[in-house]
Amino acid sequence: MREIKVLGPGCPKCEQLKKNAEQAVVLAGVPCNVEKITDMLRISEYGIMLTPALVVDGEVKAVGKVLPPEQIVEFLK
């Protein structure tokens, strides 16, 4: 199963990225776990200095921006 992690403290942009990731999972039809990580210690393990950030299968795909669902789908193909 694919893994998507949304990294951020819980700001509105972080919440929107999580919603977009969940919508992308539905659009892609790919089984995925979507996890929201707010713990700054865990976020720092990814080398992230700016949030929100999107991690797909352990690889950082975006930092500091809210990607639309259609763009997130591309990472799931």
PDB file of N, CA and C in Angstrom:
ATOM      1  N   MET A   1       0.840  -1.179   0.000  1.00  0.00           N
ATOM      2  CA  MET A   1       0.000   0.000   0.000  1.00  0.00           C
ATOM      3  C   MET A   1       0.885   1.243   0.000  1.00  0.00           C
ATOM      4  N   ARG A   2       0.499   2.233  -0.779  1.00  0.00           N
ATOM      5  CA  ARG A   2       1.266   3.479  -0.870  1.00  0.00           C
ATOM      6  C   ARG A   2       1.081   4.298   0.407  1.00  0.00           C
ATOM      7  N   GLU A   3       2.059   5.147   0.693  1.00  0.00           N
ATOM      8  CA  GLU A   3       2.039   5.985   1.888  1.00  0.00           C
ATOM      9  C   GLU A   3       2.184   7.452   1.488  1.00  0.00           C
ATOM     10  N   ILE A   4       1.256   8.269   1.954  1.00  0.00           N
ATOM     11  CA  ILE A   4       1.338   9.712   1.759  1.00  0.00           C
ATOM     12  C   ILE A   4       1.380  10.347   3.139  1.00  0.00           C
ATOM     13  N   LYS A   5       2.347  11.254   3.328  1.00  0.00           N
ATOM     14  CA  LYS A   5       2.442  11.977   4.584  1.00  0.00           C
ATOM     15  C   LYS A   5       2.370  13.467   4.270  1.00  0.00           C
ATOM     16  N   VAL A   6       1.534  14.162   5.020  1.00  0.00           N
ATOM     17  CA  VAL A   6       1.441  15.614   4.931  1.00  0.00           C
ATOM     18  C   VAL A   6       2.104  16.151   6.185  1.00  0.00           C
ATOM     19  N   LEU A   7       3.150  16.952   6.001  1.00  0.00           N
ATOM     20  CA  LEU A   7       3.921  17.468   7.122  1.00  0.00           C
ATOM     21  C   LEU A   7       3.568  18.925   7.362  1.00  0.00           C
ATOM     22  N   GLY A   8       3.217  19.249   8.597  1.00  0.00           N
ATOM     23  CA  GLY A   8       2.916  20.629   8.942  1.00  0.00           C
ATOM     24  C   GLY A   8       2.273  20.722  10.306  1.00  0.00           C
ATOM     25  N   PRO A   9       2.328  21.913  10.899  1.00  0.00           N
ATOM     26  CA  PRO A   9       1.847  22.093  12.264  1.00  0.00           C
ATOM     27  C   PRO A   9       0.328  22.131  12.417  1.00  0.00           C
ATOM     28  N   GLY A  10      -0.393  22.163  11.337  1.00  0.00           N
ATOM     29  CA  GLY A  10      -1.853  22.204  11.445  1.00  0.00           C
ATOM     30  C   GLY A  10      -2.448  23.502  10.949  1.00  0.00           C
ATOM     31  N   CYS A  11      -1.679  24.271  10.217  1.00  0.00           N
ATOM     32  CA  CYS A  11      -2.168  25.531   9.662  1.00  0.00           C
ATOM     33  C   CYS A  11      -3.198  25.248   8.558  1.00  0.00           C
ATOM     34  N   PRO A  12      -3.949  26.251   8.135  1.00  0.00           N
ATOM     35  CA  PRO A  12      -4.949  26.033   7.081  1.00  0.00           C
ATOM     36  C   PRO A  12      -4.364  25.453   5.790  1.00  0.00           C
ATOM     37  N   LYS A  13      -3.163  25.865   5.410  1.00  0.00           N
ATOM     38  CA  LYS A  13      -2.537  25.326   4.192  1.00  0.00           C
ATOM     39  C   LYS A  13      -2.230  23.843   4.359  1.00  0.00           C
ATOM     40  N   CYS A  14      -1.783  23.454   5.539  1.00  0.00           N
ATOM     41  CA  CYS A  14      -1.483  22.043   5.806  1.00  0.00           C
ATOM     42  C   CYS A  14      -2.759  21.209   5.733  1.00  0.00           C
ATOM     43  N   GLU A  15      -3.821  21.733   6.306  1.00  0.00           N
ATOM     44  CA  GLU A  15      -5.093  21.015   6.282  1.00  0.00           C
ATOM     45  C   GLU A  15      -5.617  20.877   4.858  1.00  0.00           C
ATOM     46  N   GLN A  16      -5.433  21.931   4.044  1.00  0.00           N
ATOM     47  CA  GLN A  16      -5.886  21.871   2.656  1.00  0.00           C
ATOM     48  C   GLN A  16      -5.070  20.852   1.867  1.00  0.00           C
ATOM     49  N   LEU A  17      -3.763  20.784   2.118  1.00  0.00           N
ATOM     50  CA  LEU A  17      -2.935  19.807   1.418  1.00  0.00           C
ATOM     51  C   LEU A  17      -3.375  18.393   1.776  1.00  0.00           C
ATOM     52  N   LYS A  18      -3.737  18.164   3.032  1.00  0.00           N
ATOM     53  CA  LYS A  18      -4.214  16.832   3.435  1.00  0.00           C
ATOM     54  C   LYS A  18      -5.504  16.495   2.700  1.00  0.00           C
ATOM     55  N   LYS A  19      -6.427  17.432   2.624  1.00  0.00           N
ATOM     56  CA  LYS A  19      -7.682  17.206   1.900  1.00  0.00           C
ATOM     57  C   LYS A  19      -7.407  16.917   0.425  1.00  0.00           C
ATOM     58  N   ASN A  20      -6.482  17.679  -0.156  1.00  0.00           N
ATOM     59  CA  ASN A  20      -6.137  17.462  -1.564  1.00  0.00           C
ATOM     60  C   ASN A  20      -5.503  16.092  -1.769  1.00  0.00           C
ATOM     61  N   ALA A  21      -4.684  15.653  -0.825  1.00  0.00           N
ATOM     62  CA  ALA A  21      -4.063  14.327  -0.921  1.00  0.00           C
ATOM     63  C   ALA A  21      -5.126  13.238  -0.842  1.00  0.00           C
ATOM     64  N   GLU A  22      -6.074  13.406   0.059  1.00  0.00           N
ATOM     65  CA  GLU A  22      -7.157  12.419   0.188  1.00  0.00           C
ATOM     66  C   GLU A  22      -8.003  12.377  -1.088  1.00  0.00           C
ATOM     67  N   GLN A  23      -8.242  13.535  -1.683  1.00  0.00           N
ATOM     68  CA  GLN A  23      -9.002  13.586  -2.933  1.00  0.00           C
ATOM     69  C   GLN A  23      -8.200  12.935  -4.065  1.00  0.00           C
ATOM     70  N   ALA A  24      -6.889  13.124  -4.073  1.00  0.00           N
ATOM     71  CA  ALA A  24      -6.031  12.527  -5.097  1.00  0.00           C
ATOM     72  C   ALA A  24      -6.066  11.008  -5.020  1.00  0.00           C
ATOM     73  N   VAL A  25      -6.122  10.466  -3.817  1.00  0.00           N
ATOM     74  CA  VAL A  25      -6.202   9.017  -3.630  1.00  0.00           C
ATOM     75  C   VAL A  25      -7.470   8.487  -4.285  1.00  0.00           C
ATOM     76  N   VAL A  26      -8.575   9.185  -4.094  1.00  0.00           N
ATOM     77  CA  VAL A  26      -9.842   8.778  -4.698  1.00  0.00           C
ATOM     78  C   VAL A  26      -9.752   8.874  -6.224  1.00  0.00           C
ATOM     79  N   LEU A  27      -9.202   9.980  -6.720  1.00  0.00           N
ATOM     80  CA  LEU A  27      -9.084  10.170  -8.170  1.00  0.00           C
ATOM     81  C   LEU A  27      -8.187   9.115  -8.812  1.00  0.00           C
ATOM     82  N   ALA A  28      -7.094   8.762  -8.124  1.00  0.00           N
ATOM     83  CA  ALA A  28      -6.137   7.795  -8.678  1.00  0.00           C
ATOM     84  C   ALA A  28      -6.637   6.365  -8.558  1.00  0.00           C
ATOM     85  N   GLY A  29      -7.516   6.118  -7.585  1.00  0.00           N
ATOM     86  CA  GLY A  29      -7.999   4.764  -7.377  1.00  0.00           C
ATOM     87  C   GLY A  29      -6.922   3.817  -6.884  1.00  0.00           C
ATOM     88  N   VAL A  30      -5.936   4.377  -6.206  1.00  0.00           N
ATOM     89  CA  VAL A  30      -4.805   3.600  -5.697  1.00  0.00           C
ATOM     90  C   VAL A  30      -4.933   3.511  -4.173  1.00  0.00           C
ATOM     91  N   PRO A  31      -4.827   2.316  -3.597  1.00  0.00           N
ATOM     92  CA  PRO A  31      -4.907   2.221  -2.138  1.00  0.00           C
ATOM     93  C   PRO A  31      -3.721   2.929  -1.476  1.00  0.00           C
ATOM     94  N   CYS A  32      -4.030   3.876  -0.607  1.00  0.00           N
ATOM     95  CA  CYS A  32      -2.998   4.666   0.072  1.00  0.00           C
ATOM     96  C   CYS A  32      -3.405   4.940   1.509  1.00  0.00           C
ATOM     97  N   ASN A  33      -2.408   5.031   2.355  1.00  0.00           N
ATOM     98  CA  ASN A  33      -2.600   5.565   3.700  1.00  0.00           C
ATOM     99  C   ASN A  33      -2.196   7.032   3.639  1.00  0.00           C
ATOM    100  N   VAL A  34      -3.058   7.921   4.129  1.00  0.00           N
ATOM    101  CA  VAL A  34      -2.735   9.341   4.205  1.00  0.00           C
ATOM    102  C   VAL A  34      -2.589   9.690   5.675  1.00  0.00           C
ATOM    103  N   GLU A  35      -1.415  10.184   6.032  1.00  0.00           N
ATOM    104  CA  GLU A  35      -1.125  10.500   7.425  1.00  0.00           C
ATOM    105  C   GLU A  35      -0.727  11.964   7.537  1.00  0.00           C
ATOM    106  N   LYS A  36      -1.227  12.636   8.563  1.00  0.00           N
ATOM    107  CA  LYS A  36      -0.864  14.025   8.848  1.00  0.00           C
ATOM    108  C   LYS A  36       0.131  14.010   9.988  1.00  0.00           C
ATOM    109  N   ILE A  37       1.290  14.593   9.789  1.00  0.00           N
ATOM    110  CA  ILE A  37       2.321  14.636  10.823  1.00  0.00           C
ATOM    111  C   ILE A  37       2.488  16.081  11.283  1.00  0.00           C
ATOM    112  N   THR A  38       2.234  16.313  12.559  1.00  0.00           N
ATOM    113  CA  THR A  38       2.346  17.656  13.124  1.00  0.00           C
ATOM    114  C   THR A  38       3.534  17.795  14.069  1.00  0.00           C
ATOM    115  N   ASP A  39       4.111  16.686  14.476  1.00  0.00           N
ATOM    116  CA  ASP A  39       5.237  16.700  15.409  1.00  0.00           C
ATOM    117  C   ASP A  39       6.484  17.256  14.713  1.00  0.00           C
ATOM    118  N   MET A  40       6.978  18.383  15.206  1.00  0.00           N
ATOM    119  CA  MET A  40       8.110  19.044  14.554  1.00  0.00           C
ATOM    120  C   MET A  40       9.366  18.183  14.540  1.00  0.00           C
ATOM    121  N   LEU A  41       9.553  17.335  15.528  1.00  0.00           N
ATOM    122  CA  LEU A  41      10.714  16.446  15.550  1.00  0.00           C
ATOM    123  C   LEU A  41      10.644  15.466  14.377  1.00  0.00           C
ATOM    124  N   ARG A  42       9.458  14.885  14.160  1.00  0.00           N
ATOM    125  CA  ARG A  42       9.288  13.962  13.020  1.00  0.00           C
ATOM    126  C   ARG A  42       9.418  14.697  11.694  1.00  0.00           C
ATOM    127  N   ILE A  43       8.892  15.917  11.624  1.00  0.00           N
ATOM    128  CA  ILE A  43       8.997  16.709  10.390  1.00  0.00           C
ATOM    129  C   ILE A  43      10.464  16.990  10.084  1.00  0.00           C
ATOM    130  N   SER A  44      11.238  17.325  11.112  1.00  0.00           N
ATOM    131  CA  SER A  44      12.655  17.646  10.902  1.00  0.00           C
ATOM    132  C   SER A  44      13.447  16.445  10.397  1.00  0.00           C
ATOM    133  N   GLU A  45      12.967  15.231  10.657  1.00  0.00           N
ATOM    134  CA  GLU A  45      13.649  14.035  10.163  1.00  0.00           C
ATOM    135  C   GLU A  45      13.660  13.979   8.634  1.00  0.00           C
ATOM    136  N   TYR A  46      12.731  14.679   8.000  1.00  0.00           N
ATOM    137  CA  TYR A  46      12.681  14.732   6.536  1.00  0.00           C
ATOM    138  C   TYR A  46      13.499  15.889   5.972  1.00  0.00           C
ATOM    139  N   GLY A  47      14.125  16.678   6.835  1.00  0.00           N
ATOM    140  CA  GLY A  47      14.919  17.811   6.380  1.00  0.00           C
ATOM    141  C   GLY A  47      14.062  18.968   5.886  1.00  0.00           C
ATOM    142  N   ILE A  48      12.828  19.019   6.333  1.00  0.00           N
ATOM    143  CA  ILE A  48      11.881  20.038   5.898  1.00  0.00           C
ATOM    144  C   ILE A  48      12.084  21.306   6.716  1.00  0.00           C
ATOM    145  N   MET A  49      12.231  22.441   6.036  1.00  0.00           N
ATOM    146  CA  MET A  49      12.375  23.714   6.716  1.00  0.00           C
ATOM    147  C   MET A  49      11.146  24.599   6.525  1.00  0.00           C
ATOM    148  N   LEU A  50      10.268  24.205   5.615  1.00  0.00           N
ATOM    149  CA  LEU A  50       9.092  24.992   5.282  1.00  0.00           C
ATOM    150  C   LEU A  50       7.913  24.047   5.118  1.00  0.00           C
ATOM    151  N   THR A  51       6.771  24.433   5.659  1.00  0.00           N
ATOM    152  CA  THR A  51       5.576  23.594   5.532  1.00  0.00           C
ATOM    153  C   THR A  51       4.510  24.368   4.777  1.00  0.00           C
ATOM    154  N   PRO A  52       3.532  23.693   4.228  1.00  0.00           N
ATOM    155  CA  PRO A  52       3.329  22.251   4.280  1.00  0.00           C
ATOM    156  C   PRO A  52       4.274  21.522   3.340  1.00  0.00           C
ATOM    157  N   ALA A  53       4.431  20.246   3.590  1.00  0.00           N
ATOM    158  CA  ALA A  53       5.251  19.409   2.729  1.00  0.00           C
ATOM    159  C   ALA A  53       4.497  18.108   2.457  1.00  0.00           C
ATOM    160  N   LEU A  54       4.781  17.535   1.297  1.00  0.00           N
ATOM    161  CA  LEU A  54       4.137  16.290   0.887  1.00  0.00           C
ATOM    162  C   LEU A  54       5.209  15.233   0.666  1.00  0.00           C
ATOM    163  N   VAL A  55       5.022  14.082   1.307  1.00  0.00           N
ATOM    164  CA  VAL A  55       5.949  12.958   1.178  1.00  0.00           C
ATOM    165  C   VAL A  55       5.154  11.771   0.643  1.00  0.00           C
ATOM    166  N   VAL A  56       5.633  11.179  -0.450  1.00  0.00           N
ATOM    167  CA  VAL A  56       4.982  10.012  -1.039  1.00  0.00           C
ATOM    168  C   VAL A  56       5.981   8.864  -1.014  1.00  0.00           C
ATOM    169  N   ASP A  57       5.618   7.792  -0.344  1.00  0.00           N
ATOM    170  CA  ASP A  57       6.463   6.606  -0.220  1.00  0.00           C
ATOM    171  C   ASP A  57       7.876   6.959   0.239  1.00  0.00           C
ATOM    172  N   GLY A  58       7.960   7.856   1.229  1.00  0.00           N
ATOM    173  CA  GLY A  58       9.241   8.216   1.831  1.00  0.00           C
ATOM    174  C   GLY A  58      10.035   9.263   1.088  1.00  0.00           C
ATOM    175  N   GLU A  59       9.539   9.737  -0.049  1.00  0.00           N
ATOM    176  CA  GLU A  59      10.254  10.726  -0.856  1.00  0.00           C
ATOM    177  C   GLU A  59       9.530  12.066  -0.802  1.00  0.00           C
ATOM    178  N   VAL A  60      10.265  13.124  -0.437  1.00  0.00           N
ATOM    179  CA  VAL A  60       9.681  14.460  -0.377  1.00  0.00           C
ATOM    180  C   VAL A  60       9.375  14.916  -1.798  1.00  0.00           C
ATOM    181  N   LYS A  61       8.103  15.252  -2.039  1.00  0.00           N
ATOM    182  CA  LYS A  61       7.659  15.653  -3.374  1.00  0.00           C
ATOM    183  C   LYS A  61       7.387  17.139  -3.495  1.00  0.00           C
ATOM    184  N   ALA A  62       7.026  17.794  -2.400  1.00  0.00           N
ATOM    185  CA  ALA A  62       6.729  19.229  -2.443  1.00  0.00           C
ATOM    186  C   ALA A  62       6.962  19.837  -1.069  1.00  0.00           C
ATOM    187  N   VAL A  63       7.458  21.072  -1.081  1.00  0.00           N
ATOM    188  CA  VAL A  63       7.720  21.798   0.166  1.00  0.00           C
ATOM    189  C   VAL A  63       7.217  23.225   0.017  1.00  0.00           C
ATOM    190  N   GLY A  64       6.445  23.668   1.001  1.00  0.00           N
ATOM    191  CA  GLY A  64       6.020  25.056   1.037  1.00  0.00           C
ATOM    192  C   GLY A  64       4.894  25.435   0.102  1.00  0.00           C
ATOM    193  N   LYS A  65       4.197  24.432  -0.450  1.00  0.00           N
ATOM    194  CA  LYS A  65       3.073  24.759  -1.324  1.00  0.00           C
ATOM    195  C   LYS A  65       1.964  23.738  -1.199  1.00  0.00           C
ATOM    196  N   VAL A  66       0.773  24.183  -1.557  1.00  0.00           N
ATOM    197  CA  VAL A  66      -0.402  23.331  -1.532  1.00  0.00           C
ATOM    198  C   VAL A  66      -0.657  22.860  -2.959  1.00  0.00           C
ATOM    199  N   LEU A  67      -0.335  21.612  -3.223  1.00  0.00           N
ATOM    200  CA  LEU A  67      -0.536  21.058  -4.559  1.00  0.00           C
ATOM    201  C   LEU A  67      -2.003  20.710  -4.774  1.00  0.00           C
ATOM    202  N   PRO A  68      -2.506  20.904  -5.996  1.00  0.00           N
ATOM    203  CA  PRO A  68      -3.872  20.481  -6.286  1.00  0.00           C
ATOM    204  C   PRO A  68      -3.938  18.957  -6.378  1.00  0.00           C
ATOM    205  N   PRO A  69      -5.117  18.377  -6.175  1.00  0.00           N
ATOM    206  CA  PRO A  69      -5.250  16.915  -6.218  1.00  0.00           C
ATOM    207  C   PRO A  69      -4.722  16.308  -7.516  1.00  0.00           C
ATOM    208  N   GLU A  70      -4.955  16.973  -8.636  1.00  0.00           N
ATOM    209  CA  GLU A  70      -4.537  16.434  -9.935  1.00  0.00           C
ATOM    210  C   GLU A  70      -3.018  16.275 -10.022  1.00  0.00           C
ATOM    211  N   GLN A  71      -2.289  17.193  -9.387  1.00  0.00           N
ATOM    212  CA  GLN A  71      -0.824  17.105  -9.393  1.00  0.00           C
ATOM    213  C   GLN A  71      -0.351  15.994  -8.471  1.00  0.00           C
ATOM    214  N   ILE A  72      -1.031  15.780  -7.368  1.00  0.00           N
ATOM    215  CA  ILE A  72      -0.674  14.715  -6.432  1.00  0.00           C
ATOM    216  C   ILE A  72      -0.910  13.355  -7.080  1.00  0.00           C
ATOM    217  N   VAL A  73      -1.969  13.254  -7.895  1.00  0.00           N
ATOM    218  CA  VAL A  73      -2.265  12.008  -8.608  1.00  0.00           C
ATOM    219  C   VAL A  73      -1.059  11.566  -9.431  1.00  0.00           C
ATOM    220  N   GLU A  74      -0.348  12.507 -10.020  1.00  0.00           N
ATOM    221  CA  GLU A  74       0.820  12.175 -10.852  1.00  0.00           C
ATOM    222  C   GLU A  74       1.885  11.406 -10.047  1.00  0.00           C
ATOM    223  N   PHE A  75       2.004  11.702  -8.770  1.00  0.00           N
ATOM    224  CA  PHE A  75       2.979  11.014  -7.915  1.00  0.00           C
ATOM    225  C   PHE A  75       2.547   9.591  -7.586  1.00  0.00           C
ATOM    226  N   LEU A  76       1.267   9.297  -7.800  1.00  0.00           N
ATOM    227  CA  LEU A  76       0.747   7.980  -7.443  1.00  0.00           C
ATOM    228  C   LEU A  76       0.701   7.011  -8.615  1.00  0.00           C
ATOM    229  N   LYS A  77       1.088   7.473  -9.787  1.00  0.00           N
ATOM    230  CA  LYS A  77       1.065   6.606 -10.971  1.00  0.00           C
ATOM    231  C   LYS A  77       2.293   5.729 -11.014  1.00  0.00           C
TER     232      LYS A  77
END
